[in-house]
PDB file of N, CA and C in Angstrom:
ATOM      1  N   UNK A   1       4.539  26.519  86.589  1.00  0.00           N
ATOM      2  CA  UNK A   1       3.717  25.803  86.488  1.00  0.00           C
ATOM      3  C   UNK A   1       2.548  25.561  85.529  1.00  0.00           C
ATOM      4  N   UNK A   2       2.540  26.357  85.063  1.00  0.00           N
ATOM      5  CA  UNK A   2       1.727  27.111  83.431  1.00  0.00           C
ATOM      6  C   UNK A   2       2.112  26.146  82.489  1.00  0.00           C
ATOM      7  N   UNK A   3       3.879  25.651  82.533  1.00  0.00           N
ATOM      8  CA  UNK A   3       4.059  24.840  81.505  1.00  0.00           C
ATOM      9  C   UNK A   3       3.903  23.902  81.307  1.00  0.00           C
ATOM     10  N   UNK A   4       3.883  23.239  82.653  1.00  0.00           N
ATOM     11  CA  UNK A   4       3.127  21.408  83.116  1.00  0.00           C
ATOM     12  C   UNK A   4       1.846  21.519  82.429  1.00  0.00           C
ATOM     13  N   UNK A   5       1.008  22.617  83.196  1.00  0.00           N
ATOM     14  CA  UNK A   5      -0.198  22.859  82.950  1.00  0.00           C
ATOM     15  C   UNK A   5      -1.119  22.338  81.649  1.00  0.00           C
ATOM     16  N   UNK A   6      -0.274  23.203  80.782  1.00  0.00           N
ATOM     17  CA  UNK A   6      -0.191  23.246  79.643  1.00  0.00           C
ATOM     18  C   UNK A   6      -0.017  21.859  78.744  1.00  0.00           C
ATOM     19  N   UNK A   7       1.077  21.013  79.136  1.00  0.00           N
ATOM     20  CA  UNK A   7       1.333  19.892  78.911  1.00  0.00           C
ATOM     21  C   UNK A   7       0.954  18.691  79.324  1.00  0.00           C
ATOM     22  N   UNK A   8       0.146  18.709  80.811  1.00  0.00           N
ATOM     23  CA  UNK A   8       0.062  17.588  81.183  1.00  0.00           C
ATOM     24  C   UNK A   8      -1.001  16.884  80.588  1.00  0.00           C
ATOM     25  N   UNK A   9      -2.283  16.792  79.072  1.00  0.00           N
ATOM     26  CA  UNK A   9      -2.755  16.333  78.678  1.00  0.00           C
ATOM     27  C   UNK A   9      -1.760  15.494  77.922  1.00  0.00           C
ATOM     28  N   UNK A  10      -0.921  16.027  76.947  1.00  0.00           N
ATOM     29  CA  UNK A  10       0.344  15.430  76.348  1.00  0.00           C
ATOM     30  C   UNK A  10       0.842  14.544  76.944  1.00  0.00           C
ATOM     31  N   UNK A  11       1.491  14.658  78.210  1.00  0.00           N
ATOM     32  CA  UNK A  11       2.196  13.936  79.228  1.00  0.00           C
ATOM     33  C   UNK A  11       1.737  12.509  79.384  1.00  0.00           C
ATOM     34  N   UNK A  12       0.277  12.793  79.629  1.00  0.00           N
ATOM     35  CA  UNK A  12      -1.076  11.775  80.177  1.00  0.00           C
ATOM     36  C   UNK A  12      -0.813  10.836  78.892  1.00  0.00           C
ATOM     37  N   UNK A  13      -0.928  11.263  77.743  1.00  0.00           N
ATOM     38  CA  UNK A  13      -1.199  10.424  76.634  1.00  0.00           C
ATOM     39  C   UNK A  13       0.480   9.700  76.280  1.00  0.00           C
ATOM     40  N   UNK A  14       1.241  10.360  76.478  1.00  0.00           N
ATOM     41  CA  UNK A  14       2.798   9.767  75.487  1.00  0.00           C
ATOM     42  C   UNK A  14       3.252   9.164  76.607  1.00  0.00           C
ATOM     43  N   UNK A  15       2.777   8.947  78.281  1.00  0.00           N
ATOM     44  CA  UNK A  15       3.998   8.383  79.341  1.00  0.00           C
ATOM     45  C   UNK A  15       3.721   6.819  79.169  1.00  0.00           C
ATOM     46  N   UNK A  16       2.973   6.089  78.713  1.00  0.00           N
ATOM     47  CA  UNK A  16       3.278   4.501  78.557  1.00  0.00           C
ATOM     48  C   UNK A  16       3.814   4.431  77.405  1.00  0.00           C
ATOM     49  N   UNK A  17       3.251   4.955  76.378  1.00  0.00           N
ATOM     50  CA  UNK A  17       4.308   4.346  75.098  1.00  0.00           C
ATOM     51  C   UNK A  17       5.792   4.917  75.480  1.00  0.00           C
ATOM     52  N   UNK A  18       6.027   5.851  75.992  1.00  0.00           N
ATOM     53  CA  UNK A  18       7.433   5.902  76.560  1.00  0.00           C
ATOM     54  C   UNK A  18       8.282   5.160  77.366  1.00  0.00           C
ATOM     55  N   UNK A  19       7.458   4.409  78.197  1.00  0.00           N
ATOM     56  CA  UNK A  19       7.960   3.595  79.367  1.00  0.00           C
ATOM     57  C   UNK A  19       8.267   2.321  78.810  1.00  0.00           C
ATOM     58  N   UNK A  20       7.329   1.978  78.101  1.00  0.00           N
ATOM     59  CA  UNK A  20       7.430   0.847  76.968  1.00  0.00           C
ATOM     60  C   UNK A  20       8.536   0.830  76.325  1.00  0.00           C
ATOM     61  N   UNK A  21       9.393   2.030  75.465  1.00  0.00           N
ATOM     62  CA  UNK A  21      10.039   2.477  74.598  1.00  0.00           C
ATOM     63  C   UNK A  21      11.432   2.152  75.501  1.00  0.00           C
ATOM     64  N   UNK A  22      11.357   2.902  76.733  1.00  0.00           N
ATOM     65  CA  UNK A  22      12.804   2.807  77.359  1.00  0.00           C
ATOM     66  C   UNK A  22      13.125   1.684  77.776  1.00  0.00           C
ATOM     67  N   UNK A  23      11.919   0.668  78.401  1.00  0.00           N
ATOM     68  CA  UNK A  23      12.258  -0.398  78.702  1.00  0.00           C
ATOM     69  C   UNK A  23      12.812  -1.652  77.347  1.00  0.00           C
ATOM     70  N   UNK A  24      12.163  -1.416  76.786  1.00  0.00           N
ATOM     71  CA  UNK A  24      12.755  -2.297  75.353  1.00  0.00           C
ATOM     72  C   UNK A  24      13.909  -1.897  74.676  1.00  0.00           C
ATOM     73  N   UNK A  25      15.034  -0.543  75.120  1.00  0.00           N
ATOM     74  CA  UNK A  25      16.010  -0.069  74.239  1.00  0.00           C
ATOM     75  C   UNK A  25      16.496  -0.481  75.600  1.00  0.00           C
ATOM     76  N   UNK A  26      16.291  -0.475  77.197  1.00  0.00           N
ATOM     77  CA  UNK A  26      17.050  -0.998  78.121  1.00  0.00           C
ATOM     78  C   UNK A  26      17.574  -2.646  77.872  1.00  0.00           C
ATOM     79  N   UNK A  27      16.108  -3.222  77.671  1.00  0.00           N
ATOM     80  CA  UNK A  27      16.813  -4.526  77.378  1.00  0.00           C
ATOM     81  C   UNK A  27      17.276  -5.280  76.316  1.00  0.00           C
ATOM     82  N   UNK A  28      17.038  -4.702  74.961  1.00  0.00           N
ATOM     83  CA  UNK A  28      18.122  -4.292  73.689  1.00  0.00           C
ATOM     84  C   UNK A  28      19.489  -4.359  73.909  1.00  0.00           C
ATOM     85  N   UNK A  29      20.098  -3.212  74.838  1.00  0.00           N
ATOM     86  CA  UNK A  29      21.290  -2.724  75.345  1.00  0.00           C
ATOM     87  C   UNK A  29      21.761  -3.381  76.265  1.00  0.00           C
ATOM     88  N   UNK A  30      21.077  -4.082  77.141  1.00  0.00           N
ATOM     89  CA  UNK A  30      21.771  -4.457  78.508  1.00  0.00           C
ATOM     90  C   UNK A  30      21.384  -5.930  78.000  1.00  0.00           C
ATOM     91  N   UNK A  31      20.481  -6.416  77.822  1.00  0.00           N
ATOM     92  CA  UNK A  31      19.859  -7.533  77.610  1.00  0.00           C
ATOM     93  C   UNK A  31      19.239  -8.626  78.843  1.00  0.00           C
ATOM     94  N   UNK A  32      19.247  -7.520  79.700  1.00  0.00           N
ATOM     95  CA  UNK A  32      18.439  -7.999  81.306  1.00  0.00           C
ATOM     96  C   UNK A  32      17.471  -7.086  81.807  1.00  0.00           C
ATOM     97  N   UNK A  33      16.713  -7.683  82.041  1.00  0.00           N
ATOM     98  CA  UNK A  33      15.471  -6.853  82.704  1.00  0.00           C
ATOM     99  C   UNK A  33      15.857  -6.369  84.389  1.00  0.00           C
ATOM    100  N   UNK A  34      17.030  -6.807  84.630  1.00  0.00           N
ATOM    101  CA  UNK A  34      17.129  -6.579  86.287  1.00  0.00           C
ATOM    102  C   UNK A  34      18.651  -5.871  86.312  1.00  0.00           C
ATOM    103  N   UNK A  35      18.450  -4.410  86.418  1.00  0.00           N
ATOM    104  CA  UNK A  35      19.932  -3.626  85.561  1.00  0.00           C
ATOM    105  C   UNK A  35      20.375  -3.716  87.291  1.00  0.00           C
ATOM    106  N   UNK A  36      21.665  -3.409  87.169  1.00  0.00           N
ATOM    107  CA  UNK A  36      22.766  -3.268  88.556  1.00  0.00           C
ATOM    108  C   UNK A  36      22.119  -1.593  89.082  1.00  0.00           C
ATOM    109  N   UNK A  37      23.182  -1.219  89.879  1.00  0.00           N
ATOM    110  CA  UNK A  37      22.573  -0.516  90.793  1.00  0.00           C
ATOM    111  C   UNK A  37      23.000   1.048  89.751  1.00  0.00           C
ATOM    112  N   UNK A  38      23.749   0.844  88.971  1.00  0.00           N
ATOM    113  CA  UNK A  38      24.748   1.875  88.361  1.00  0.00           C
ATOM    114  C   UNK A  38      23.792   1.865  86.976  1.00  0.00           C
ATOM    115  N   UNK A  39      23.533   1.363  86.381  1.00  0.00           N
ATOM    116  CA  UNK A  39      22.469   1.234  85.504  1.00  0.00           C
ATOM    117  C   UNK A  39      21.227   1.784  85.963  1.00  0.00           C
ATOM    118  N   UNK A  40      20.579   1.228  86.971  1.00  0.00           N
ATOM    119  CA  UNK A  40      19.390   1.591  87.275  1.00  0.00           C
ATOM    120  C   UNK A  40      19.445   3.102  87.712  1.00  0.00           C
ATOM    121  N   UNK A  41      20.490   3.568  88.126  1.00  0.00           N
ATOM    122  CA  UNK A  41      20.264   5.205  88.171  1.00  0.00           C
ATOM    123  C   UNK A  41      20.216   5.877  86.998  1.00  0.00           C
ATOM    124  N   UNK A  42      21.291   5.152  86.141  1.00  0.00           N
ATOM    125  CA  UNK A  42      21.275   5.774  84.857  1.00  0.00           C
ATOM    126  C   UNK A  42      19.902   5.946  84.068  1.00  0.00           C
ATOM    127  N   UNK A  43      19.109   4.760  84.214  1.00  0.00           N
ATOM    128  CA  UNK A  43      17.728   4.601  83.650  1.00  0.00           C
ATOM    129  C   UNK A  43      17.135   5.578  84.262  1.00  0.00           C
ATOM    130  N   UNK A  44      17.236   5.526  85.382  1.00  0.00           N
ATOM    131  CA  UNK A  44      16.187   6.498  86.360  1.00  0.00           C
ATOM    132  C   UNK A  44      16.118   8.155  86.047  1.00  0.00           C
ATOM    133  N   UNK A  45      17.797   8.424  85.354  1.00  0.00           N
ATOM    134  CA  UNK A  45      18.140   9.635  84.646  1.00  0.00           C
ATOM    135  C   UNK A  45      17.562   9.966  83.684  1.00  0.00           C
ATOM    136  N   UNK A  46      17.564   9.120  82.943  1.00  0.00           N
ATOM    137  CA  UNK A  46      17.149   9.342  81.141  1.00  0.00           C
ATOM    138  C   UNK A  46      15.723   9.116  80.958  1.00  0.00           C
ATOM    139  N   UNK A  47      14.992   8.142  81.770  1.00  0.00           N
ATOM    140  CA  UNK A  47      13.591   8.125  81.421  1.00  0.00           C
ATOM    141  C   UNK A  47      12.243   9.460  81.742  1.00  0.00           C
ATOM    142  N   UNK A  48      12.668  10.143  82.543  1.00  0.00           N
ATOM    143  CA  UNK A  48      12.154  11.426  82.511  1.00  0.00           C
ATOM    144  C   UNK A  48      12.417  12.543  81.346  1.00  0.00           C
ATOM    145  N   UNK A  49      13.968  12.326  81.401  1.00  0.00           N
ATOM    146  CA  UNK A  49      14.499  13.472  80.373  1.00  0.00           C
ATOM    147  C   UNK A  49      13.706  12.519  79.231  1.00  0.00           C
ATOM    148  N   UNK A  50      13.999  11.459  78.490  1.00  0.00           N
ATOM    149  CA  UNK A  50      12.788  11.071  77.278  1.00  0.00           C
ATOM    150  C   UNK A  50      11.517  11.518  77.329  1.00  0.00           C
ATOM    151  N   UNK A  51      11.251  11.092  78.507  1.00  0.00           N
ATOM    152  CA  UNK A  51       9.764  11.459  78.659  1.00  0.00           C
ATOM    153  C   UNK A  51       9.217  13.087  78.689  1.00  0.00           C
ATOM    154  N   UNK A  52      10.121  14.090  79.175  1.00  0.00           N
ATOM    155  CA  UNK A  52      10.164  15.184  78.580  1.00  0.00           C
ATOM    156  C   UNK A  52      10.127  15.962  77.321  1.00  0.00           C
ATOM    157  N   UNK A  53      11.469  15.503  76.401  1.00  0.00           N
ATOM    158  CA  UNK A  53      11.551  15.682  75.113  1.00  0.00           C
ATOM    159  C   UNK A  53      10.136  14.707  74.161  1.00  0.00           C
ATOM    160  N   UNK A  54       9.631  13.752  74.422  1.00  0.00           N
ATOM    161  CA  UNK A  54       8.417  13.328  73.629  1.00  0.00           C
ATOM    162  C   UNK A  54       7.659  14.346  73.986  1.00  0.00           C
ATOM    163  N   UNK A  55       7.293  14.470  75.540  1.00  0.00           N
ATOM    164  CA  UNK A  55       5.842  14.765  75.878  1.00  0.00           C
ATOM    165  C   UNK A  55       5.460  16.543  75.460  1.00  0.00           C
ATOM    166  N   UNK A  56       7.328  16.917  75.059  1.00  0.00           N
ATOM    167  CA  UNK A  56       6.957  19.084  74.524  1.00  0.00           C
ATOM    168  C   UNK A  56       7.066  18.738  72.837  1.00  0.00           C
ATOM    169  N   UNK A  57       7.802  17.449  71.897  1.00  0.00           N
ATOM    170  CA  UNK A  57       7.888  17.141  70.950  1.00  0.00           C
ATOM    171  C   UNK A  57       6.036  16.701  70.360  1.00  0.00           C
ATOM    172  N   UNK A  58       5.117  16.009  71.126  1.00  0.00           N
ATOM    173  CA  UNK A  58       3.598  15.727  71.438  1.00  0.00           C
ATOM    174  C   UNK A  58       2.623  17.258  71.177  1.00  0.00           C
ATOM    175  N   UNK A  59       3.307  17.775  72.529  1.00  0.00           N
ATOM    176  CA  UNK A  59       2.574  19.045  72.463  1.00  0.00           C
ATOM    177  C   UNK A  59       2.517  19.648  71.421  1.00  0.00           C
ATOM    178  N   UNK A  60       3.770  20.252  71.065  1.00  0.00           N
ATOM    179  CA  UNK A  60       3.963  20.992  69.972  1.00  0.00           C
ATOM    180  C   UNK A  60       3.647  20.661  68.384  1.00  0.00           C
ATOM    181  N   UNK A  61       3.859  19.523  68.525  1.00  0.00           N
ATOM    182  CA  UNK A  61       3.555  19.263  66.858  1.00  0.00           C
ATOM    183  C   UNK A  61       2.690  18.503  66.492  1.00  0.00           C
ATOM    184  N   UNK A  62       1.541  18.094  67.535  1.00  0.00           N
ATOM    185  CA  UNK A  62       0.355  17.530  67.521  1.00  0.00           C
ATOM    186  C   UNK A  62      -0.557  18.058  67.895  1.00  0.00           C
ATOM    187  N   UNK A  63      -0.426  18.167  69.422  1.00  0.00           N
ATOM    188  CA  UNK A  63      -1.718  19.067  69.924  1.00  0.00           C
ATOM    189  C   UNK A  63      -2.260  20.051  70.164  1.00  0.00           C
ATOM    190  N   UNK A  64      -1.051  20.959  69.570  1.00  0.00           N
ATOM    191  CA  UNK A  64      -1.082  22.397  69.512  1.00  0.00           C
ATOM    192  C   UNK A  64      -1.282  22.618  67.909  1.00  0.00           C
ATOM    193  N   UNK A  65      -1.082  22.088  66.960  1.00  0.00           N
ATOM    194  CA  UNK A  65      -2.011  22.658  65.839  1.00  0.00           C
ATOM    195  C   UNK A  65      -3.511  21.651  65.448  1.00  0.00           C
ATOM    196  N   UNK A  66      -3.433  20.673  65.965  1.00  0.00           N
ATOM    197  CA  UNK A  66      -4.705  20.055  65.933  1.00  0.00           C
ATOM    198  C   UNK A  66      -5.613  20.930  66.598  1.00  0.00           C
ATOM    199  N   UNK A  67      -5.540  21.254  68.010  1.00  0.00           N
ATOM    200  CA  UNK A  67      -6.673  22.299  68.500  1.00  0.00           C
ATOM    201  C   UNK A  67      -6.511  23.322  67.706  1.00  0.00           C
ATOM    202  N   UNK A  68      -5.680  24.256  67.281  1.00  0.00           N
ATOM    203  CA  UNK A  68      -5.738  25.337  66.621  1.00  0.00           C
ATOM    204  C   UNK A  68      -6.657  24.904  65.139  1.00  0.00           C
ATOM    205  N   UNK A  69      -6.503  23.665  64.299  1.00  0.00           N
ATOM    206  CA  UNK A  69      -7.448  23.502  63.451  1.00  0.00           C
ATOM    207  C   UNK A  69      -8.703  23.566  63.783  1.00  0.00           C
ATOM    208  N   UNK A  70      -9.343  22.965  64.543  1.00  0.00           N
ATOM    209  CA  UNK A  70     -10.185  22.463  65.388  1.00  0.00           C
ATOM    210  C   UNK A  70     -10.821  24.115  65.741  1.00  0.00           C
ATOM    211  N   UNK A  71     -10.053  24.765  66.303  1.00  0.00           N
ATOM    212  CA  UNK A  71     -10.727  26.186  66.340  1.00  0.00           C
ATOM    213  C   UNK A  71     -11.445  26.878  65.062  1.00  0.00           C
ATOM    214  N   UNK A  72      -9.928  26.817  63.965  1.00  0.00           N
ATOM    215  CA  UNK A  72     -10.485  27.463  63.082  1.00  0.00           C
ATOM    216  C   UNK A  72     -11.777  26.818  62.336  1.00  0.00           C
ATOM    217  N   UNK A  73     -12.138  25.283  62.559  1.00  0.00           N
ATOM    218  CA  UNK A  73     -13.509  24.705  62.124  1.00  0.00           C
ATOM    219  C   UNK A  73     -14.614  24.948  62.761  1.00  0.00           C
ATOM    220  N   UNK A  74     -14.448  25.216  64.273  1.00  0.00           N
ATOM    221  CA  UNK A  74     -15.716  25.639  64.826  1.00  0.00           C
ATOM    222  C   UNK A  74     -16.076  27.238  64.287  1.00  0.00           C
ATOM    223  N   UNK A  75     -14.993  27.761  64.102  1.00  0.00           N
ATOM    224  CA  UNK A  75     -15.651  29.192  63.539  1.00  0.00           C
ATOM    225  C   UNK A  75     -16.490  29.300  62.639  1.00  0.00           C
ATOM    226  N   UNK A  76     -15.896  28.188  61.074  1.00  0.00           N
ATOM    227  CA  UNK A  76     -16.251  28.632  60.202  1.00  0.00           C
ATOM    228  C   UNK A  76     -17.667  28.092  60.507  1.00  0.00           C
ATOM    229  N   UNK A  77     -17.476  27.158  61.131  1.00  0.00           N
ATOM    230  CA  UNK A  77     -19.053  26.244  61.231  1.00  0.00           C
ATOM    231  C   UNK A  77     -20.298  27.202  61.823  1.00  0.00           C
ATOM    232  N   UNK A  78     -19.620  28.250  62.737  1.00  0.00           N
ATOM    233  CA  UNK A  78     -20.364  29.073  63.416  1.00  0.00           C
ATOM    234  C   UNK A  78     -20.498  30.554  62.554  1.00  0.00           C
ATOM    235  N   UNK A  79     -19.949  30.472  61.343  1.00  0.00           N
ATOM    236  CA  UNK A  79     -19.816  31.777  60.720  1.00  0.00           C
ATOM    237  C   UNK A  79     -21.215  31.302  59.824  1.00  0.00           C
ATOM    238  N   UNK A  80     -21.289  30.020  59.138  1.00  0.00           N
ATOM    239  CA  UNK A  80     -22.119  29.680  58.410  1.00  0.00           C
ATOM    240  C   UNK A  80     -23.387  29.410  59.089  1.00  0.00           C
ATOM    241  N   UNK A  81     -23.308  29.021  60.104  1.00  0.00           N
ATOM    242  CA  UNK A  81     -24.993  28.906  61.054  1.00  0.00           C
ATOM    243  C   UNK A  81     -25.736  29.828  61.380  1.00  0.00           C
TER     244      UNK A  81
END
Protein backbone atom coordinates (compact mmCIF):
# COMPACT_ATOMS: atom_id res chain seq x y z
CA UNK A 1 0.00 0.00 0.00
CA UNK A 2 2.91 2.35 0.71
CA UNK A 3 4.22 1.88 -2.84
CA UNK A 4 0.88 2.92 -4.30
CA UNK A 5 0.68 5.90 -1.96
CA UNK A 6 4.17 7.06 -2.99
CA UNK A 7 3.26 6.82 -6.67
CA UNK A 8 -0.29 8.14 -6.50
CA UNK A 9 0.66 11.58 -7.83
CA UNK A 10 2.58 10.03 -10.73
CA UNK A 11 -0.43 7.82 -11.43
CA UNK A 12 -2.71 10.84 -11.34
CA UNK A 13 -0.50 12.75 -13.79
CA UNK A 14 0.06 9.94 -16.25
CA UNK A 15 -3.23 8.02 -16.46
CA UNK A 16 -4.87 10.20 -19.13
CA UNK A 17 -1.86 10.28 -21.51
CA UNK A 18 -1.50 6.50 -21.16
CA UNK A 19 -5.20 6.02 -21.84
CA UNK A 20 -5.03 8.10 -25.02
CA UNK A 21 -1.80 6.40 -26.14
CA UNK A 22 -3.31 2.95 -25.61
CA UNK A 23 -6.44 3.98 -27.49
CA UNK A 24 -4.39 5.35 -30.40
CA UNK A 25 -2.18 2.26 -30.57
CA UNK A 26 -5.25 0.03 -30.43
CA UNK A 27 -6.97 1.93 -33.23
CA UNK A 28 -3.88 1.89 -35.45
CA UNK A 29 -3.29 -1.84 -34.92
CA UNK A 30 -6.88 -3.02 -35.25
CA UNK A 31 -8.51 -0.30 -37.33
CA UNK A 32 -11.65 -0.16 -35.25
CA UNK A 33 -12.64 1.50 -32.02
CA UNK A 34 -15.05 -1.36 -31.21
CA UNK A 35 -13.04 -4.46 -30.30
CA UNK A 36 -14.15 -8.05 -30.21
CA UNK A 37 -14.59 -9.69 -26.81
CA UNK A 38 -11.18 -11.37 -26.99
CA UNK A 39 -9.36 -8.20 -28.04
CA UNK A 40 -11.16 -6.17 -25.40
CA UNK A 41 -9.94 -8.62 -22.77
CA UNK A 42 -6.40 -8.22 -24.06
CA UNK A 43 -6.74 -4.44 -23.98
CA UNK A 44 -8.07 -4.52 -20.43
CA UNK A 45 -5.12 -6.67 -19.38
CA UNK A 46 -2.47 -4.55 -21.13
CA UNK A 47 -3.75 -1.10 -20.17
CA UNK A 48 -3.12 -1.46 -16.39
CA UNK A 49 0.26 -3.03 -17.11
CA UNK A 50 1.25 -0.11 -19.35
CA UNK A 51 -0.07 2.32 -16.76
CA UNK A 52 1.99 0.69 -14.01
CA UNK A 53 5.18 0.74 -16.08
CA UNK A 54 4.81 4.36 -17.20
CA UNK A 55 3.83 5.46 -13.69
CA UNK A 56 6.93 3.84 -12.22
CA UNK A 57 9.17 5.41 -14.86
CA UNK A 58 7.60 8.82 -14.24
CA UNK A 59 8.09 8.42 -10.49
CA UNK A 60 11.73 7.31 -10.72
CA UNK A 61 12.94 9.48 -13.59
CA UNK A 62 11.01 12.72 -13.03
CA UNK A 63 9.19 13.04 -9.74
CA UNK A 64 11.87 11.81 -7.32
CA UNK A 65 14.82 13.66 -8.92
CA UNK A 66 12.85 16.90 -9.12
CA UNK A 67 11.69 16.56 -5.51
CA UNK A 68 15.28 15.94 -4.37
CA UNK A 69 16.48 18.94 -6.37
CA UNK A 70 13.78 21.09 -4.74
CA UNK A 71 14.90 19.94 -1.28
CA UNK A 72 18.50 20.88 -2.04
CA UNK A 73 17.44 24.31 -3.30
CA UNK A 74 15.29 24.90 -0.24
CA UNK A 75 18.15 23.91 2.09
CA UNK A 76 20.55 26.20 0.25
CA UNK A 77 18.04 29.05 0.42
CA UNK A 78 17.43 28.45 4.13
CA UNK A 79 21.18 28.41 4.83
CA UNK A 80 21.61 31.78 3.14
CA UNK A 81 18.74 33.44 4.96
